[in-house]
Amino acid sequence: MKDALKTLTALAVLLAPLPAAAQPLYHLAAVVKLSGATKWDYLKLDKPTGRLFISHGTEELVVNPATRQVVGRLSGLPGSHGVAFDPATGEIWADSATKSVATVFDPHSLAPLASVPVLDDADGMAYDPASRTIFVSGGDGHGLTPINPATRTAYPTVALGSAPEAFAPDGQGNLYVAMVEANEVARVDTRTRQVTARWPTTGCLAPTGLALDEARGRIFVSCRGGSLDVLDERTGRVMVTLPIGKGTDGAAFDPVRQRAFSANGEGTISVIDTRPAVPKLLATLHTEPGARTLAVDPRSGDLFTVTAKVAATIAPATPQGRTHYRFVPGTLALYIYAPTP
C-alpha cells in the first residue's frame, strides 16, 4: 500500500500543471523600414498630433505610429539631431549641427519658415513652458542657445563650461542638463537663463540620457558605462544607482505607467519602476545592437527606438564610451515595442 501511495503521489506531481511563464512587459509590435542613410539620433513624439520625429542625418523623418508609415520630412538639416514643438502655434523647430542653425517649420506643409543661429555642434532641443523658450544644446559650444519662438530670435548663450548631452525642463522654470564630460547634472533657471546648481553623478560616469518624473521630483540620468543615477530634483542628492545596459544615449519617462527607461546601445532597454520610495530595476527588454535612443507614447505605452543591421563592431574609444558599429546600408528601421496585455 505504501508503495502504491508513493507511486500515486509521484504521478500527481508529474501531472500537476506547471506555473505559467512570466509574460514580458513589452513585446515587439512592429518594425518600420526607413530608407536612406544609417544615421540617426534623437526621437521625439509630438503628443498633440501623435507624430513621431526621428533625426535622420540630413533631415527629420515624420512617422505616423498608428499606420506605421513615414508621412513627411523636414529637409535641409545636415547634422540633424534635435527637435522641439511650440505649443502656441504647433510650429516645429529642428536643428542642424553642420549649419549651426535651428529652423522652424510649418506644422502642416512641413516647409521651412525661418532659421536662427545657434551654438556649434547643435544637438538636443526642448521647449520650456515656464519661460516659453526653446533651448538648443551645443556640444562643442559648451552651452545652450535659448530661442524666443514668438520673435524667432535668440537670447544670449547660457554658458555651461563643458559639453552638454540630454536635458529636460520641469515646467516650473528649471532645466536639468546631463553634462557628459563633467559627470554632473547642471540646473538652469529658464527665466534668468543662469546656472543655479551643479550636482555630481556619483554613481556613474559619462551621463548622456536624462528624464524627469515631475510628480515625484526625480531625475533619471543614464550613463554610458552601464549605470543610472536617480537624483532628488530639489537637493541633487543621488538616491540610488541602478545597473543598466552599456552604451546608453537616451532616457525617457512614462507618467501613466510610472516607469523610466534607458535605451542602451548594446541592444537593451532598462525598465525602471518609479513607484517605490527608492526606484528599482523592473525588467530588461532585449532590442537590437545600436538602439541607443528612444521615445515613449504615454497614451499607448509604446516604446520607439531606431537602429540598423550591424555589419561590424568597433571597440569603444574609452572605457566609458559606447560601442560603435558599422551598419549595413539600407537597413535602418524603427522598432516599436508595445506593453504586453
Protein backbone atom coordinates (compact mmCIF):
# COMPACT_ATOMS: atom_id res chain seq x y z
CA MET A 1 0.00 0.00 0.00
CA LYS A 2 2.78 2.41 0.89
CA ASP A 3 4.48 1.76 -2.44
CA ALA A 4 1.18 2.37 -4.25
CA LEU A 5 0.67 5.68 -2.41
CA LYS A 6 4.18 6.78 -3.28
CA THR A 7 3.53 5.96 -6.93
CA LEU A 8 0.25 7.91 -6.95
CA THR A 9 1.90 10.89 -5.26
CA ALA A 10 4.70 10.89 -7.80
CA LEU A 11 2.18 10.75 -10.66
CA ALA A 12 0.21 13.62 -9.16
CA VAL A 13 3.33 15.75 -9.01
CA LEU A 14 4.22 14.93 -12.60
CA LEU A 15 0.70 15.63 -13.86
CA ALA A 16 0.25 18.86 -11.92
CA PRO A 17 0.04 21.92 -14.21
CA LEU A 18 3.24 23.87 -14.47
CA PRO A 19 3.15 27.54 -13.43
CA ALA A 20 2.68 29.87 -16.39
CA ALA A 21 5.85 31.54 -17.62
CA ALA A 22 6.03 35.21 -16.73
CA GLN A 23 4.98 37.38 -19.63
CA PRO A 24 7.46 40.05 -20.76
CA LEU A 25 6.43 43.62 -20.00
CA TYR A 26 6.81 44.63 -23.66
CA HIS A 27 6.82 42.84 -26.99
CA LEU A 28 7.94 43.80 -30.49
CA ALA A 29 4.79 45.12 -32.18
CA ALA A 30 6.19 46.43 -35.48
CA VAL A 31 9.32 47.13 -37.49
CA VAL A 32 9.07 50.10 -39.85
CA LYS A 33 11.74 50.27 -42.55
CA LEU A 34 13.33 53.69 -43.02
CA SER A 35 15.04 54.43 -46.32
CA GLY A 36 18.27 56.38 -46.63
CA ALA A 37 21.49 56.62 -44.67
CA THR A 38 22.07 54.65 -41.47
CA LYS A 39 22.34 57.80 -39.38
CA TRP A 40 20.05 58.84 -36.57
CA ASP A 41 19.94 60.43 -33.13
CA TYR A 42 17.01 61.65 -31.01
CA LEU A 43 13.40 60.51 -31.34
CA LYS A 44 10.59 62.72 -30.07
CA LEU A 45 6.82 62.33 -30.02
CA ASP A 46 4.62 65.36 -30.73
CA LYS A 47 1.85 64.49 -28.28
CA PRO A 48 -0.94 66.72 -29.72
CA THR A 49 -0.59 65.24 -33.22
CA GLY A 50 0.74 61.79 -32.30
CA ARG A 51 3.52 62.12 -34.89
CA LEU A 52 6.96 60.70 -34.17
CA PHE A 53 10.01 62.70 -35.32
CA ILE A 54 13.26 60.85 -35.97
CA SER A 55 16.61 62.54 -36.53
CA HIS A 56 17.97 61.10 -39.77
CA GLY A 57 21.30 62.54 -40.85
CA THR A 58 20.23 65.43 -43.08
CA GLU A 59 16.54 65.53 -42.19
CA GLU A 60 13.87 64.74 -39.63
CA LEU A 61 11.61 61.85 -40.59
CA VAL A 62 7.95 62.18 -39.60
CA VAL A 63 6.24 58.87 -38.81
CA ASN A 64 2.61 58.08 -38.02
CA PRO A 65 2.97 55.29 -35.42
CA ALA A 66 -0.68 54.24 -35.86
CA THR A 67 -0.28 53.48 -39.57
CA ARG A 68 3.43 52.57 -39.33
CA GLN A 69 4.15 54.92 -42.23
CA VAL A 70 6.59 57.75 -42.95
CA VAL A 71 4.28 60.69 -43.61
CA GLY A 72 6.74 63.55 -44.15
CA ARG A 73 10.23 65.01 -43.85
CA LEU A 74 11.85 68.15 -42.51
CA SER A 75 14.59 68.73 -45.08
CA GLY A 76 17.77 70.80 -45.23
CA LEU A 77 19.15 69.75 -41.85
CA PRO A 78 22.70 68.37 -42.31
CA GLY A 79 23.85 67.09 -38.95
CA SER A 80 20.27 66.66 -37.72
CA HIS A 81 19.88 65.92 -34.02
CA GLY A 82 17.09 67.60 -32.06
CA VAL A 83 13.51 68.73 -32.50
CA ALA A 84 11.07 70.74 -30.36
CA PHE A 85 7.47 71.92 -30.69
CA ASP A 86 5.91 75.32 -29.97
CA PRO A 87 2.52 74.55 -28.38
CA ALA A 88 1.26 78.07 -29.08
CA THR A 89 1.48 77.65 -32.86
CA GLY A 90 2.21 73.96 -33.43
CA GLU A 91 5.36 75.00 -35.30
CA ILE A 92 8.24 72.53 -35.36
CA TRP A 93 11.82 73.52 -34.62
CA ALA A 94 14.74 71.33 -35.70
CA ASP A 95 18.48 71.91 -35.66
CA SER A 96 21.46 71.40 -37.94
CA ALA A 97 24.86 70.82 -36.35
CA THR A 98 26.60 71.39 -39.69
CA LYS A 99 24.96 74.77 -40.31
CA SER A 100 24.79 75.76 -36.61
CA VAL A 101 21.17 76.86 -37.01
CA ALA A 102 17.72 75.96 -35.72
CA THR A 103 14.99 76.08 -38.37
CA VAL A 104 11.27 76.49 -37.78
CA PHE A 105 8.88 74.52 -39.99
CA ASP A 106 5.18 74.87 -40.78
CA PRO A 107 3.35 72.09 -38.90
CA HIS A 108 1.08 71.31 -41.87
CA SER A 109 3.17 71.69 -45.02
CA LEU A 110 6.48 70.96 -43.22
CA ALA A 111 8.01 73.82 -45.23
CA PRO A 112 10.87 75.80 -43.62
CA LEU A 113 9.87 79.29 -42.42
CA ALA A 114 12.97 80.83 -40.83
CA SER A 115 16.33 79.95 -39.25
CA VAL A 116 18.10 81.19 -36.11
CA PRO A 117 21.87 80.87 -35.48
CA VAL A 118 22.77 78.61 -32.54
CA LEU A 119 25.89 77.25 -30.84
CA ASP A 120 28.39 74.94 -32.55
CA ASP A 121 27.53 71.24 -32.67
CA ALA A 122 23.78 71.79 -32.21
CA ASP A 123 22.35 68.72 -30.50
CA GLY A 124 19.29 68.29 -28.28
CA MET A 125 16.27 70.60 -28.18
CA ALA A 126 13.37 71.16 -25.77
CA TYR A 127 10.53 73.62 -25.20
CA ASP A 128 10.18 75.10 -21.72
CA PRO A 129 6.58 76.10 -20.90
CA ALA A 130 7.51 78.27 -17.91
CA SER A 131 9.56 80.71 -19.98
CA ARG A 132 8.01 79.90 -23.37
CA THR A 133 11.51 79.36 -24.67
CA ILE A 134 13.07 76.74 -26.89
CA PHE A 135 16.53 75.62 -25.77
CA VAL A 136 19.17 74.13 -28.09
CA SER A 137 22.29 72.47 -26.68
CA GLY A 138 25.68 72.84 -28.33
CA GLY A 139 28.18 70.10 -27.59
CA ASP A 140 31.27 71.86 -28.92
CA GLY A 141 29.76 75.20 -27.95
CA HIS A 142 29.62 74.09 -24.28
CA GLY A 143 26.29 75.75 -23.66
CA LEU A 144 22.67 76.34 -24.56
CA THR A 145 21.08 78.69 -27.08
CA PRO A 146 17.69 79.97 -25.83
CA ILE A 147 15.25 80.96 -28.60
CA ASN A 148 12.11 83.07 -28.36
CA PRO A 149 9.82 81.23 -30.81
CA ALA A 150 7.39 84.16 -30.98
CA THR A 151 10.03 86.55 -32.35
CA ARG A 152 12.32 83.88 -33.83
CA THR A 153 15.35 85.41 -32.18
CA ALA A 154 17.99 84.03 -29.82
CA TYR A 155 18.79 85.21 -26.31
CA PRO A 156 22.41 85.31 -25.07
CA THR A 157 24.12 81.95 -24.68
CA VAL A 158 23.85 80.01 -21.42
CA ALA A 159 27.47 79.02 -20.74
CA LEU A 160 27.83 75.57 -19.17
CA GLY A 161 31.62 75.17 -19.20
CA SER A 162 31.70 71.77 -20.88
CA ALA A 163 29.73 69.60 -23.29
CA PRO A 164 26.03 69.03 -22.54
CA GLU A 165 24.04 66.00 -23.60
CA ALA A 166 20.32 65.37 -22.99
CA PHE A 167 18.27 67.86 -20.97
CA ALA A 168 14.69 68.37 -19.85
CA PRO A 169 12.57 71.16 -18.29
CA ASP A 170 10.40 70.50 -15.25
CA GLY A 171 7.73 73.00 -16.31
CA GLN A 172 8.37 75.10 -13.18
CA GLY A 173 11.24 77.17 -14.52
CA ASN A 174 14.12 74.71 -14.14
CA LEU A 175 16.07 72.90 -16.83
CA TYR A 176 18.22 69.87 -15.94
CA VAL A 177 21.20 69.06 -18.17
CA ALA A 178 23.35 65.92 -18.32
CA MET A 179 26.98 67.09 -18.50
CA VAL A 180 28.80 64.19 -20.13
CA GLU A 181 32.39 65.38 -19.59
CA ALA A 182 31.93 66.88 -16.12
CA ASN A 183 29.98 63.87 -14.76
CA GLU A 184 27.29 66.08 -13.30
CA VAL A 185 23.79 67.46 -13.74
CA ALA A 186 23.50 71.22 -14.20
CA ARG A 187 20.32 73.06 -13.20
CA VAL A 188 19.43 76.16 -15.22
CA ASP A 189 16.83 78.80 -14.33
CA THR A 190 14.90 79.12 -17.60
CA ARG A 191 13.74 82.70 -16.90
CA THR A 192 17.08 84.21 -15.86
CA ARG A 193 18.96 81.73 -18.06
CA GLN A 194 21.60 81.22 -15.38
CA VAL A 195 23.13 78.04 -13.93
CA THR A 196 21.81 77.69 -10.38
CA ALA A 197 23.30 74.33 -9.29
CA ARG A 198 25.73 71.59 -10.29
CA TRP A 199 25.30 68.11 -8.86
CA PRO A 200 27.76 65.22 -9.38
CA THR A 201 26.57 61.90 -10.72
CA THR A 202 28.40 59.98 -8.03
CA GLY A 203 27.26 56.53 -9.14
CA CYS A 204 28.03 56.67 -12.85
CA LEU A 205 30.32 58.24 -15.45
CA ALA A 206 29.59 59.90 -18.79
CA PRO A 207 25.92 60.85 -18.27
CA THR A 208 24.11 61.16 -21.60
CA GLY A 209 20.39 60.38 -21.13
CA LEU A 210 18.08 62.33 -18.83
CA ALA A 211 14.39 62.06 -17.96
CA LEU A 212 12.20 63.61 -15.26
CA ASP A 213 9.48 62.27 -13.01
CA GLU A 214 7.97 65.70 -12.35
CA ALA A 215 5.31 64.46 -9.91
CA ARG A 216 7.88 62.88 -7.57
CA GLY A 217 10.72 65.31 -8.25
CA ARG A 218 13.21 62.74 -9.53
CA ILE A 219 15.87 62.96 -12.21
CA PHE A 220 16.90 59.79 -14.06
CA VAL A 221 20.38 60.10 -15.55
CA SER A 222 21.67 57.24 -17.68
CA CYS A 223 25.43 56.86 -18.12
CA ARG A 224 27.34 55.10 -20.89
CA GLY A 225 29.28 52.78 -18.62
CA GLY A 226 26.23 50.77 -17.53
CA SER A 227 24.74 52.62 -14.56
CA LEU A 228 21.89 55.05 -13.92
CA ASP A 229 21.69 57.61 -11.12
CA VAL A 230 18.36 58.71 -9.64
CA LEU A 231 18.70 62.23 -8.22
CA ASP A 232 16.40 64.20 -5.93
CA GLU A 233 15.28 67.18 -8.03
CA ARG A 234 15.32 69.55 -5.03
CA THR A 235 18.69 68.72 -3.49
CA GLY A 236 20.61 66.91 -6.22
CA ARG A 237 21.28 64.00 -3.86
CA VAL A 238 21.81 60.65 -5.58
CA MET A 239 19.02 58.47 -4.15
CA VAL A 240 20.15 55.22 -5.77
CA THR A 241 22.38 53.92 -8.55
CA LEU A 242 20.88 51.18 -10.72
CA PRO A 243 22.51 48.80 -13.20
CA ILE A 244 21.55 49.29 -16.86
CA GLY A 245 22.97 48.17 -20.19
CA LYS A 246 26.07 49.78 -21.64
CA GLY A 247 26.17 52.44 -24.33
CA THR A 248 23.09 54.46 -23.39
CA ASP A 249 22.38 57.70 -25.24
CA GLY A 250 18.79 58.33 -24.23
CA ALA A 251 16.31 58.08 -21.38
CA ALA A 252 12.53 58.56 -21.18
CA PHE A 253 9.69 58.56 -18.66
CA ASP A 254 6.12 57.23 -18.89
CA PRO A 255 3.99 59.14 -16.34
CA VAL A 256 0.97 56.89 -16.89
CA ARG A 257 2.69 53.59 -16.09
CA GLN A 258 5.22 55.29 -13.82
CA ARG A 259 8.26 53.80 -15.49
CA ALA A 260 11.58 55.27 -16.55
CA PHE A 261 13.64 53.85 -19.41
CA SER A 262 17.22 53.82 -20.59
CA ALA A 263 17.99 52.86 -24.20
CA ASN A 264 21.31 51.04 -24.31
CA GLY A 265 23.41 50.66 -27.44
CA GLU A 266 24.33 47.10 -26.51
CA GLY A 267 20.77 46.17 -27.51
CA THR A 268 18.60 46.53 -24.41
CA ILE A 269 16.13 48.90 -22.79
CA SER A 270 16.29 49.05 -19.00
CA VAL A 271 12.81 49.46 -17.44
CA ILE A 272 12.70 51.13 -14.02
CA ASP A 273 9.77 51.09 -11.61
CA THR A 274 9.43 54.63 -10.24
CA ARG A 275 6.59 53.93 -7.77
CA PRO A 276 8.63 52.76 -4.76
CA ALA A 277 10.26 55.22 -2.37
CA VAL A 278 13.52 54.03 -3.90
CA PRO A 279 13.12 53.28 -7.64
CA LYS A 280 14.21 49.81 -8.75
CA LEU A 281 15.09 47.97 -11.94
CA LEU A 282 11.92 46.24 -13.12
CA ALA A 283 12.97 44.46 -16.31
CA THR A 284 15.43 44.39 -19.19
CA LEU A 285 13.90 44.46 -22.66
CA HIS A 286 16.07 43.00 -25.41
CA THR A 287 16.13 45.14 -28.55
CA GLU A 288 18.87 45.30 -31.22
CA PRO A 289 22.52 46.45 -31.10
CA GLY A 290 22.87 50.16 -31.77
CA ALA A 291 19.41 51.09 -30.47
CA ARG A 292 20.70 53.76 -28.09
CA THR A 293 17.91 56.41 -28.15
CA LEU A 294 14.18 56.15 -27.58
CA ALA A 295 10.84 57.86 -27.10
CA VAL A 296 7.67 56.76 -25.30
CA ASP A 297 3.98 57.39 -26.01
CA PRO A 298 2.29 57.81 -22.61
CA ARG A 299 -1.15 57.13 -24.08
CA SER A 300 -0.42 53.71 -25.55
CA GLY A 301 2.71 52.94 -23.58
CA ASP A 302 4.55 52.13 -26.81
CA LEU A 303 8.33 52.47 -26.88
CA PHE A 304 10.14 53.62 -30.04
CA THR A 305 13.78 53.05 -30.89
CA VAL A 306 15.88 53.04 -34.08
CA THR A 307 18.86 51.08 -35.33
CA ALA A 308 20.20 49.21 -38.35
CA LYS A 309 21.68 45.79 -39.03
CA VAL A 310 25.22 45.56 -37.66
CA ALA A 311 27.96 44.77 -40.18
CA ALA A 312 30.89 45.03 -37.76
CA THR A 313 31.68 46.11 -34.20
CA ILE A 314 34.30 48.76 -33.46
CA ALA A 315 35.77 48.95 -29.95
CA PRO A 316 34.77 52.00 -27.89
CA ALA A 317 37.28 54.84 -27.72
CA THR A 318 37.21 55.00 -23.90
CA PRO A 319 36.13 52.65 -21.09
CA GLN A 320 33.00 54.79 -20.62
CA GLY A 321 32.29 55.20 -24.33
CA ARG A 322 29.56 53.33 -26.14
CA THR A 323 30.42 50.63 -28.65
CA HIS A 324 30.48 51.96 -32.19
CA TYR A 325 29.11 49.85 -35.01
CA ARG A 326 29.38 49.80 -38.78
CA PHE A 327 25.93 49.20 -40.25
CA VAL A 328 24.66 47.52 -43.39
CA PRO A 329 23.46 50.24 -45.82
CA GLY A 330 19.72 50.42 -46.35
CA THR A 331 18.74 48.56 -43.16
CA LEU A 332 17.67 51.43 -40.91
CA ALA A 333 14.39 50.71 -39.14
CA LEU A 334 12.07 51.94 -36.41
CA TYR A 335 11.27 49.32 -33.76
CA ILE A 336 8.01 49.67 -31.85
CA TYR A 337 7.60 47.80 -28.58
CA ALA A 338 4.11 47.66 -27.05
CA PRO A 339 3.13 46.83 -23.47
CA THR A 340 2.07 43.20 -23.15
CA PRO A 341 -1.65 42.98 -22.18
